[in-house]
């Protein structure tokens, strides 16, 4: 910068030097200035541009000096124009910034208004919820726990849970039961196993045939389930009251067996007429169109006694079946809760899983034990007995015809059916009891310590 200023001073003072120089006719300078006025006019501290100036400078023409000066002026003018342009651009940038700032201020105002509105709405909802809570619980005193259910209120819930679980599971497995019954009644024709039996029934009679007897199944097992599960809980509680808790706990297997047998006896009284109707519909598809017509036809043509012609076989089948079912379930569940799961802290899902597993094992055991009686029951309900022929004589005759091998015909299909439905029954039964609050009664099973 200092060098530039020096050059500018030299350019400015050159005209003075030129003015004190004489020129010849060809324009060349003749002599150096003699007057020291140029030197005398220097201010203190100002550099003397004439001192030690090379002689060639004196020979420059005035035109060249003026041209250089004009060039410098043009450069300065260009710089001023560029500065003006930059100032104009800066003004535009400042204008855009002002617009952006205005937009940001507007957006901030809108956002602030939205936040305030949202907070106000949330506050209003909280106030409304608080009002509802206060209305629902006007007193700060904790509610008194409800006493455990007992008597009719408790056992009616047990009965309802049993009715629902049995009707749903037996009704849902009606197609399997149709195939199983066909294998038992006509093993020569239906000799291809369960899957093959399904295909044969569909091919011969259509898919609708798999639902034959669904009505009697739902109705019959609704009644039977109510008496079976409700009765089992009732007789178990009576046994505990009669024997005392310690004695009942020490002999709980006997308590389970006796309670199951008593409950099943009364359950079969309700089930027998509907089971007789179901078996007749399955074994003779053309016998009637459904539950009501089949029930009416048997009562009209064979009398009310025909409904209980299979009562002995039903007891022979169902009592051992139910005894094995409840005892095995209780023992398996007891073992799980004693060794693997703490029942007092187990979740609902865990309890349902335990019920499923225990019920599956119970179903397998019950199916094997009751299979011969189930086969004879199907046979005795298929046809009418001879005049004067008693139930026991008919059972003896059927047992001789079947033999041991024939008594277990259709066992694989029945294992699948009974295992599945028993697992489902105990799972559904436990969940419905929990939902209905049927948690009363006394447990005698050992638990995890």
Protein backbone atom coordinates (compact mmCIF):
# COMPACT_ATOMS: atom_id res chain seq x y z
CA UNK A 1 0.00 0.00 0.00
CA UNK A 2 2.82 2.44 0.82
CA UNK A 3 4.48 1.68 -2.52
CA UNK A 4 1.23 2.40 -4.33
CA UNK A 5 0.90 5.76 -2.57
CA UNK A 6 4.44 6.66 -3.58
CA UNK A 7 3.79 5.89 -7.22
CA UNK A 8 0.63 7.99 -7.13
CA UNK A 9 2.58 10.96 -5.71
CA UNK A 10 5.18 10.58 -8.46
CA UNK A 11 2.48 10.59 -11.14
CA UNK A 12 0.82 13.65 -9.66
CA UNK A 13 4.05 15.62 -9.53
CA UNK A 14 5.31 14.68 -12.97
CA UNK A 15 3.40 17.52 -14.67
CA UNK A 16 5.35 19.96 -12.48
CA UNK A 17 8.61 18.46 -13.69
CA UNK A 18 7.43 18.55 -17.27
CA UNK A 19 6.32 22.17 -16.91
CA UNK A 20 9.86 23.25 -15.92
CA UNK A 21 11.50 21.46 -18.84
CA UNK A 22 12.26 23.02 -22.25
CA UNK A 23 12.00 21.00 -25.38
CA UNK A 24 13.63 21.12 -28.75
CA UNK A 25 11.82 21.15 -32.03
CA UNK A 26 11.66 17.36 -32.07
CA UNK A 27 10.09 17.36 -28.54
CA UNK A 28 13.12 16.19 -26.57
CA UNK A 29 13.94 17.97 -23.28
CA UNK A 30 16.94 20.25 -23.43
CA UNK A 31 17.81 21.09 -19.83
CA UNK A 32 16.94 20.16 -16.26
CA UNK A 33 15.02 22.66 -14.22
CA UNK A 34 17.25 25.28 -12.66
CA UNK A 35 14.82 26.58 -10.23
CA UNK A 36 14.86 24.86 -6.85
CA UNK A 37 11.26 25.88 -6.27
CA UNK A 38 10.11 22.38 -6.88
CA UNK A 39 12.43 21.21 -4.14
CA UNK A 40 11.57 24.18 -1.96
CA UNK A 41 7.87 23.52 -2.13
CA UNK A 42 8.31 20.15 -0.44
CA UNK A 43 6.71 19.86 2.97
CA UNK A 44 8.51 18.40 5.91
CA UNK A 45 8.62 14.61 5.71
CA UNK A 46 7.47 14.53 2.05
CA UNK A 47 9.76 12.45 -0.20
CA UNK A 48 11.66 14.33 -2.90
CA UNK A 49 10.60 12.64 -6.11
CA UNK A 50 13.16 14.60 -8.10
CA UNK A 51 16.17 13.53 -6.09
CA UNK A 52 18.30 10.93 -7.80
CA UNK A 53 15.74 10.71 -10.60
CA UNK A 54 17.30 8.97 -13.59
CA UNK A 55 17.93 11.18 -16.56
CA UNK A 56 15.66 9.04 -18.71
CA UNK A 57 12.64 10.36 -16.88
CA UNK A 58 13.31 13.83 -18.18
CA UNK A 59 13.19 12.49 -21.69
CA UNK A 60 9.67 11.11 -21.40
CA UNK A 61 7.08 12.89 -23.37
CA UNK A 62 4.22 14.70 -21.73
CA UNK A 63 1.74 12.67 -23.79
CA UNK A 64 2.97 9.38 -22.33
CA UNK A 65 2.66 10.73 -18.80
CA UNK A 66 -0.85 11.92 -19.42
CA UNK A 67 -1.83 8.58 -20.90
CA UNK A 68 -0.59 6.75 -17.84
CA UNK A 69 -2.44 9.17 -15.61
CA UNK A 70 -5.66 8.65 -17.55
CA UNK A 71 -5.22 4.88 -17.32
CA UNK A 72 -4.91 5.16 -13.56
CA UNK A 73 -8.04 7.29 -13.45
CA UNK A 74 -9.91 4.67 -15.51
CA UNK A 75 -8.82 1.95 -13.10
CA UNK A 76 -10.01 4.04 -10.15
CA UNK A 77 -13.33 4.66 -11.88
CA UNK A 78 -13.72 0.88 -12.53
CA UNK A 79 -13.02 0.18 -8.89
CA UNK A 80 -15.63 2.72 -7.85
CA UNK A 81 -18.16 1.08 -10.18
CA UNK A 82 -17.35 -2.35 -8.76
CA UNK A 83 -17.74 -0.98 -5.25
CA UNK A 84 -21.11 0.47 -6.22
CA UNK A 85 -22.14 -2.92 -7.65
CA UNK A 86 -21.07 -4.72 -4.48
CA UNK A 87 -22.97 -2.20 -2.37
CA UNK A 88 -26.07 -2.83 -4.52
CA UNK A 89 -25.68 -6.60 -4.09
CA UNK A 90 -25.24 -6.16 -0.34
CA UNK A 91 -28.42 -4.09 -0.27
CA UNK A 92 -30.28 -6.93 -2.03
CA UNK A 93 -28.88 -9.49 0.44
CA UNK A 94 -29.94 -7.30 3.35
CA UNK A 95 -33.44 -7.06 1.84
CA UNK A 96 -33.67 -10.86 1.48
CA UNK A 97 -32.45 -11.32 5.05
CA UNK A 98 -35.11 -8.90 6.25
CA UNK A 99 -37.79 -10.90 4.39
CA UNK A 100 -36.50 -14.20 5.82
CA UNK A 101 -36.45 -12.75 9.31
CA UNK A 102 -40.04 -11.63 8.86
CA UNK A 103 -41.08 -15.13 7.74
CA UNK A 104 -39.30 -16.73 10.68
CA UNK A 105 -41.04 -14.39 13.08
CA UNK A 106 -44.42 -15.27 11.52
CA UNK A 107 -43.66 -19.02 11.71
CA UNK A 108 -42.57 -18.72 15.33
CA UNK A 109 -45.81 -16.95 16.19
CA UNK A 110 -47.88 -19.69 14.50
CA UNK A 111 -45.90 -22.45 16.24
CA UNK A 112 -46.29 -20.75 19.59
CA UNK A 113 -50.05 -20.45 19.05
CA UNK A 114 -50.28 -24.14 18.08
CA UNK A 115 -48.32 -25.27 21.15
CA UNK A 116 -50.47 -23.13 23.41
CA UNK A 117 -53.66 -24.60 21.88
CA UNK A 118 -52.36 -28.16 22.28
CA UNK A 119 -51.42 -27.57 25.89
CA UNK A 120 -54.81 -26.08 26.58
CA UNK A 121 -56.57 -29.09 25.01
CA UNK A 122 -54.37 -31.52 26.96
CA UNK A 123 -55.12 -29.65 30.15
CA UNK A 124 -58.83 -29.82 29.44
CA UNK A 125 -58.66 -33.58 28.85
CA UNK A 126 -56.67 -34.10 32.05
CA UNK A 127 -59.24 -32.12 33.98
CA UNK A 128 -62.02 -34.20 32.44
CA UNK A 129 -60.23 -37.46 33.30
CA UNK A 130 -59.57 -36.24 36.82
CA UNK A 131 -63.26 -35.46 37.21
CA UNK A 132 -64.23 -38.95 36.04
CA UNK A 133 -61.74 -40.60 38.38
CA UNK A 134 -62.96 -38.56 41.30
CA UNK A 135 -66.56 -39.40 40.43
CA UNK A 136 -65.73 -43.10 40.23
CA UNK A 137 -63.86 -43.05 43.54
CA UNK A 138 -65.36 -40.30 45.66
CA UNK A 139 -63.82 -41.63 48.81
CA UNK A 140 -60.12 -41.85 49.50
CA UNK A 141 -60.67 -44.88 51.66
CA UNK A 142 -59.54 -48.12 49.99
CA UNK A 143 -62.46 -50.38 49.06
CA UNK A 144 -63.06 -53.39 51.22
CA UNK A 145 -61.97 -56.62 49.46
CA UNK A 146 -64.89 -58.73 48.33
CA UNK A 147 -65.24 -62.04 50.19
CA UNK A 148 -64.46 -65.23 48.29
CA UNK A 149 -67.41 -66.80 46.53
CA UNK A 150 -69.05 -69.87 48.05
CA UNK A 151 -72.17 -71.97 47.78
CA UNK A 152 -74.39 -71.62 44.73
CA UNK A 153 -72.59 -68.47 43.53
CA UNK A 154 -69.30 -70.41 43.33
CA UNK A 155 -70.47 -73.78 42.01
CA UNK A 156 -72.76 -72.25 39.39
CA UNK A 157 -69.65 -70.58 37.96
CA UNK A 158 -67.80 -73.89 38.00
CA UNK A 159 -70.76 -75.49 36.20
CA UNK A 160 -70.98 -72.76 33.57
CA UNK A 161 -67.23 -72.89 32.87
CA UNK A 162 -67.46 -76.69 32.53
CA UNK A 163 -70.49 -76.47 30.24
CA UNK A 164 -68.80 -74.02 27.90
CA UNK A 165 -65.47 -75.83 27.72
CA UNK A 166 -67.06 -79.23 27.05
CA UNK A 167 -69.59 -78.06 24.46
CA UNK A 168 -66.99 -76.05 22.54
CA UNK A 169 -64.35 -78.76 22.46
CA UNK A 170 -66.65 -81.71 21.74
CA UNK A 171 -68.67 -79.71 19.22
CA UNK A 172 -65.55 -78.45 17.48
CA UNK A 173 -64.24 -81.99 17.07
CA UNK A 174 -67.49 -83.37 15.66
CA UNK A 175 -65.85 -84.26 12.29
CA UNK A 176 -63.18 -86.32 14.07
CA UNK A 177 -65.84 -88.05 16.16
CA UNK A 178 -67.84 -88.89 13.02
CA UNK A 179 -64.84 -90.59 11.43
CA UNK A 180 -63.95 -92.36 14.70
CA UNK A 181 -67.52 -93.70 15.06
CA UNK A 182 -67.57 -94.93 11.45
CA UNK A 183 -64.29 -96.81 12.02
CA UNK A 184 -65.73 -98.40 15.17
CA UNK A 185 -69.03 -99.40 13.58
CA UNK A 186 -67.76 -100.51 10.16
CA UNK A 187 -64.04 -101.34 10.37
CA UNK A 188 -64.20 -103.39 7.16
CA UNK A 189 -65.17 -100.36 5.06
CA UNK A 190 -63.35 -97.67 7.00
CA UNK A 191 -59.96 -99.34 7.26
CA UNK A 192 -57.62 -96.59 6.04
CA UNK A 193 -57.00 -94.78 9.30
CA UNK A 194 -58.22 -91.36 10.36
CA UNK A 195 -57.05 -89.37 7.31
CA UNK A 196 -58.33 -92.03 4.95
CA UNK A 197 -61.60 -92.12 6.88
CA UNK A 198 -62.07 -88.40 6.32
CA UNK A 199 -61.56 -88.86 2.59
CA UNK A 200 -63.96 -91.80 2.47
CA UNK A 201 -66.75 -89.93 4.29
CA UNK A 202 -66.34 -86.86 2.06
CA UNK A 203 -66.21 -88.96 -1.12
CA UNK A 204 -69.25 -91.07 -0.20
CA UNK A 205 -71.51 -88.55 1.55
CA UNK A 206 -70.06 -85.08 1.02
CA UNK A 207 -68.27 -82.73 3.41
CA UNK A 208 -71.52 -81.95 5.25
CA UNK A 209 -71.57 -85.49 6.60
CA UNK A 210 -68.63 -84.61 8.85
CA UNK A 211 -70.98 -82.38 10.88
CA UNK A 212 -73.53 -85.11 11.44
CA UNK A 213 -74.68 -85.04 15.05
CA UNK A 214 -73.24 -81.60 15.79
CA UNK A 215 -76.50 -80.45 17.42
CA UNK A 216 -76.76 -83.31 19.92
CA UNK A 217 -73.04 -83.02 20.60
CA UNK A 218 -73.21 -79.33 21.58
CA UNK A 219 -76.36 -79.78 23.66
CA UNK A 220 -75.37 -83.04 25.30
CA UNK A 221 -71.89 -82.01 26.31
CA UNK A 222 -73.08 -78.61 27.52
CA UNK A 223 -75.21 -80.43 30.11
CA UNK A 224 -72.60 -83.08 30.77
CA UNK A 225 -69.83 -80.49 31.23
CA UNK A 226 -71.87 -78.54 33.75
CA UNK A 227 -72.50 -81.63 35.86
CA UNK A 228 -69.01 -83.04 35.39
CA UNK A 229 -66.85 -80.01 36.26
CA UNK A 230 -69.30 -78.41 38.67
CA UNK A 231 -69.95 -81.76 40.33
CA UNK A 232 -66.25 -82.58 40.58
CA UNK A 233 -65.53 -79.31 42.42
CA UNK A 234 -68.57 -79.84 44.63
CA UNK A 235 -67.76 -83.44 45.62
CA UNK A 236 -64.09 -82.59 46.14
CA UNK A 237 -65.07 -79.85 48.57
CA UNK A 238 -67.53 -82.19 50.34
CA UNK A 239 -64.81 -84.81 50.68
CA UNK A 240 -62.41 -82.29 52.21
CA UNK A 241 -65.09 -81.13 54.65
CA UNK A 242 -65.94 -84.73 55.57
CA UNK A 243 -62.38 -86.01 55.98
CA UNK A 244 -60.69 -82.88 57.22
CA UNK A 245 -58.04 -80.96 55.32
CA UNK A 246 -54.99 -82.93 56.48
CA UNK A 247 -56.55 -86.33 55.85
CA UNK A 248 -57.88 -85.25 52.45
CA UNK A 249 -54.49 -83.79 51.46
CA UNK A 250 -52.69 -86.99 52.46
CA UNK A 251 -55.20 -89.08 50.47
CA UNK A 252 -55.86 -86.65 47.66
CA UNK A 253 -55.68 -89.27 44.89
CA UNK A 254 -58.60 -91.09 46.46
CA UNK A 255 -60.44 -87.80 46.85
CA UNK A 256 -59.90 -87.02 43.15
CA UNK A 257 -61.10 -90.47 42.08
CA UNK A 258 -64.23 -90.46 44.24
CA UNK A 259 -65.18 -86.90 43.31
CA UNK A 260 -64.76 -87.60 39.59
CA UNK A 261 -66.82 -90.81 39.75
CA UNK A 262 -69.73 -89.16 41.60
CA UNK A 263 -69.74 -86.17 39.27
CA UNK A 264 -69.67 -88.34 36.15
CA UNK A 265 -72.56 -90.48 37.33
CA UNK A 266 -74.92 -87.50 37.43
CA UNK A 267 -73.40 -86.04 34.27
CA UNK A 268 -74.18 -89.24 32.36
CA UNK A 269 -77.83 -89.11 33.39
CA UNK A 270 -78.02 -85.79 31.53
CA UNK A 271 -75.81 -86.89 28.63
CA UNK A 272 -77.23 -90.35 27.84
CA UNK A 273 -80.36 -89.38 25.83
CA UNK A 274 -78.47 -86.88 23.70
CA UNK A 275 -75.53 -89.23 23.20
CA UNK A 276 -77.91 -91.98 22.05
CA UNK A 277 -79.42 -89.57 19.53
CA UNK A 278 -75.99 -88.48 18.30
CA UNK A 279 -74.73 -92.01 17.74
CA UNK A 280 -77.92 -92.97 15.89
CA UNK A 281 -77.56 -89.95 13.57
CA UNK A 282 -73.89 -90.69 12.88
CA UNK A 283 -74.33 -94.42 12.33
CA UNK A 284 -77.52 -93.98 10.23
CA UNK A 285 -77.27 -90.69 8.30
CA UNK A 286 -80.78 -91.17 6.87
CA UNK A 287 -82.38 -91.78 10.27
CA UNK A 288 -83.34 -88.12 10.87
CA UNK A 289 -82.39 -84.59 9.89
CA UNK A 290 -81.15 -83.34 13.24
CA UNK A 291 -81.36 -83.31 17.02
CA UNK A 292 -85.04 -82.54 17.47
CA UNK A 293 -86.32 -84.90 14.77
CA UNK A 294 -83.95 -87.70 15.82
CA UNK A 295 -84.83 -87.34 19.51
CA UNK A 296 -88.55 -87.34 18.72
CA UNK A 297 -88.29 -90.35 16.42
CA UNK A 298 -86.47 -92.49 19.00
CA UNK A 299 -88.94 -91.52 21.71
CA UNK A 300 -91.92 -92.28 19.45
CA UNK A 301 -90.75 -95.54 17.89
CA UNK A 302 -88.70 -97.08 20.72
CA UNK A 303 -89.89 -95.38 23.88
CA UNK A 304 -88.07 -93.28 26.45
CA UNK A 305 -86.26 -96.33 27.73
CA UNK A 306 -84.32 -96.49 24.46
CA UNK A 307 -82.46 -93.34 25.46
CA UNK A 308 -80.96 -95.16 28.42
CA UNK A 309 -80.27 -98.47 26.73
CA UNK A 310 -76.67 -97.38 26.60
CA UNK A 311 -76.56 -95.97 30.13
CA UNK A 312 -74.55 -98.96 31.39
CA UNK A 313 -71.97 -98.68 28.61
CA UNK A 314 -71.82 -94.91 29.11
CA UNK A 315 -71.09 -95.39 32.79
CA UNK A 316 -68.62 -98.12 31.93
CA UNK A 317 -66.92 -95.75 29.50
CA UNK A 318 -67.32 -92.32 31.07
CA UNK A 319 -66.67 -93.06 34.75
CA UNK A 320 -63.19 -94.56 34.21
CA UNK A 321 -62.57 -91.92 31.55
CA UNK A 322 -63.41 -89.05 33.91
CA UNK A 323 -61.57 -90.58 36.86
CA UNK A 324 -58.40 -90.95 34.80
CA UNK A 325 -58.92 -87.52 33.27
CA UNK A 326 -59.11 -85.60 36.56
CA UNK A 327 -56.54 -87.65 38.47
CA UNK A 328 -53.88 -87.43 35.76
CA UNK A 329 -54.60 -83.73 35.26
CA UNK A 330 -54.31 -83.01 39.00
CA UNK A 331 -51.10 -85.05 39.33
CA UNK A 332 -49.35 -83.56 36.30
CA UNK A 333 -50.33 -79.99 37.25
CA UNK A 334 -49.27 -80.63 40.85
CA UNK A 335 -45.87 -81.90 39.69
CA UNK A 336 -45.34 -78.86 37.45
CA UNK A 337 -46.28 -76.36 40.14
CA UNK A 338 -44.25 -78.19 42.76
CA UNK A 339 -41.02 -78.56 40.80
CA UNK A 340 -40.97 -75.95 38.04
CA UNK A 341 -43.49 -73.12 38.45
CA UNK A 342 -44.47 -71.04 41.49
CA UNK A 343 -48.26 -70.97 41.24
CA UNK A 344 -48.57 -67.93 43.51
CA UNK A 345 -46.54 -65.76 41.11
CA UNK A 346 -47.30 -67.48 37.80
CA UNK A 347 -48.84 -65.30 35.07
CA UNK A 348 -52.19 -66.04 33.45
CA UNK A 349 -50.43 -67.21 30.29
CA UNK A 350 -48.25 -69.59 32.28
CA UNK A 351 -51.27 -71.05 34.10
CA UNK A 352 -53.03 -71.59 30.77
CA UNK A 353 -49.93 -73.34 29.41
CA UNK A 354 -49.82 -75.63 32.45
CA UNK A 355 -53.52 -76.42 31.98
CA UNK A 356 -52.95 -77.27 28.32
CA UNK A 357 -50.02 -79.59 28.99
CA UNK A 358 -51.65 -81.31 31.94
CA UNK A 359 -54.92 -81.69 30.03
CA UNK A 360 -53.12 -83.26 27.05
CA UNK A 361 -51.55 -85.94 29.24
CA UNK A 362 -54.86 -86.52 30.99
CA UNK A 363 -56.63 -86.91 27.65
CA UNK A 364 -54.22 -89.56 26.39
CA UNK A 365 -54.59 -91.59 29.59
CA UNK A 366 -58.38 -91.28 29.62
CA UNK A 367 -58.69 -92.27 25.95
CA UNK A 368 -56.72 -95.50 26.39
CA UNK A 369 -58.58 -96.53 29.54
CA UNK A 370 -62.05 -95.88 28.12
CA UNK A 371 -61.51 -97.10 24.53
CA UNK A 372 -63.12 -100.59 24.87
CA UNK A 373 -66.23 -99.14 26.51
CA UNK A 374 -66.43 -96.41 23.86
CA UNK A 375 -66.43 -99.04 21.10
CA UNK A 376 -69.14 -101.09 22.81
CA UNK A 377 -71.23 -97.95 23.37
CA UNK A 378 -71.12 -97.21 19.66
CA UNK A 379 -72.16 -100.77 18.87
CA UNK A 380 -75.03 -100.94 21.37
CA UNK A 381 -76.54 -97.67 20.16
CA UNK A 382 -76.29 -98.61 16.49
CA UNK A 383 -79.13 -101.16 16.51
CA UNK A 384 -82.04 -102.16 18.68
CA UNK A 385 -81.74 -105.15 20.97
CA UNK A 386 -83.66 -108.37 20.51
CA UNK A 387 -86.96 -108.77 22.37
CA UNK A 388 -86.27 -109.59 25.99
CA UNK A 389 -82.55 -109.08 25.64
CA UNK A 390 -81.06 -107.15 28.59
CA UNK A 391 -78.29 -104.60 28.50
CA UNK A 392 -75.71 -106.81 30.21
CA UNK A 393 -76.39 -109.70 27.86
CA UNK A 394 -76.03 -107.36 24.88
CA UNK A 395 -72.73 -106.02 26.26
CA UNK A 396 -71.41 -109.54 26.78
CA UNK A 397 -72.40 -110.50 23.26
CA UNK A 398 -70.75 -107.39 21.76
CA UNK A 399 -67.56 -107.93 23.76
CA UNK A 400 -67.32 -111.51 22.46
CA UNK A 401 -67.81 -110.32 18.89
CA UNK A 402 -65.21 -107.57 19.14
CA UNK A 403 -62.44 -109.31 21.01
CA UNK A 404 -59.50 -107.40 22.47
CA UNK A 405 -58.24 -106.16 19.11
CA UNK A 406 -61.66 -105.01 17.98
CA UNK A 407 -62.26 -103.21 21.27
CA UNK A 408 -59.41 -100.84 20.45
CA UNK A 409 -60.51 -100.12 16.88
CA UNK A 410 -60.20 -96.42 16.08
CA UNK A 411 -57.79 -95.74 18.98
CA UNK A 412 -55.41 -93.43 17.03
CA UNK A 413 -58.31 -91.19 15.99
CA UNK A 414 -59.65 -91.21 19.54
CA UNK A 415 -56.23 -90.42 21.05
CA UNK A 416 -56.01 -87.37 18.80
CA UNK A 417 -59.56 -86.31 19.52
CA UNK A 418 -59.58 -86.91 23.28
CA UNK A 419 -56.08 -85.53 23.85
CA UNK A 420 -56.92 -82.36 21.96
CA UNK A 421 -60.33 -81.76 23.48
CA UNK A 422 -59.16 -82.52 27.06
CA UNK A 423 -56.25 -80.09 26.76
CA UNK A 424 -58.65 -77.47 25.40
CA UNK A 425 -61.20 -78.19 28.12
CA UNK A 426 -58.86 -77.58 31.02
CA UNK A 427 -57.36 -74.48 29.38
CA UNK A 428 -60.79 -72.95 28.70
CA UNK A 429 -62.14 -74.06 32.08
CA UNK A 430 -59.27 -72.38 33.95
CA UNK A 431 -59.56 -69.13 31.98
CA UNK A 432 -63.35 -68.88 32.40
CA UNK A 433 -63.06 -69.53 36.14
CA UNK A 434 -60.50 -66.74 36.41
CA UNK A 435 -62.67 -64.31 34.43
CA UNK A 436 -65.76 -65.15 36.49
CA UNK A 437 -63.86 -64.83 39.76
CA UNK A 438 -64.49 -68.47 40.67
CA UNK A 439 -61.38 -68.72 42.84
CA UNK A 440 -63.01 -70.09 45.97
CA UNK A 441 -62.78 -73.61 47.24
CA UNK A 442 -59.93 -75.44 48.94
CA UNK A 443 -56.87 -76.80 47.17
CA UNK A 444 -55.24 -79.93 48.52
CA UNK A 445 -52.52 -80.31 45.89
CA UNK A 446 -48.91 -79.83 47.02
CA UNK A 447 -47.29 -76.60 45.79
CA UNK A 448 -43.75 -75.36 45.27
CA UNK A 449 -42.00 -74.43 48.53
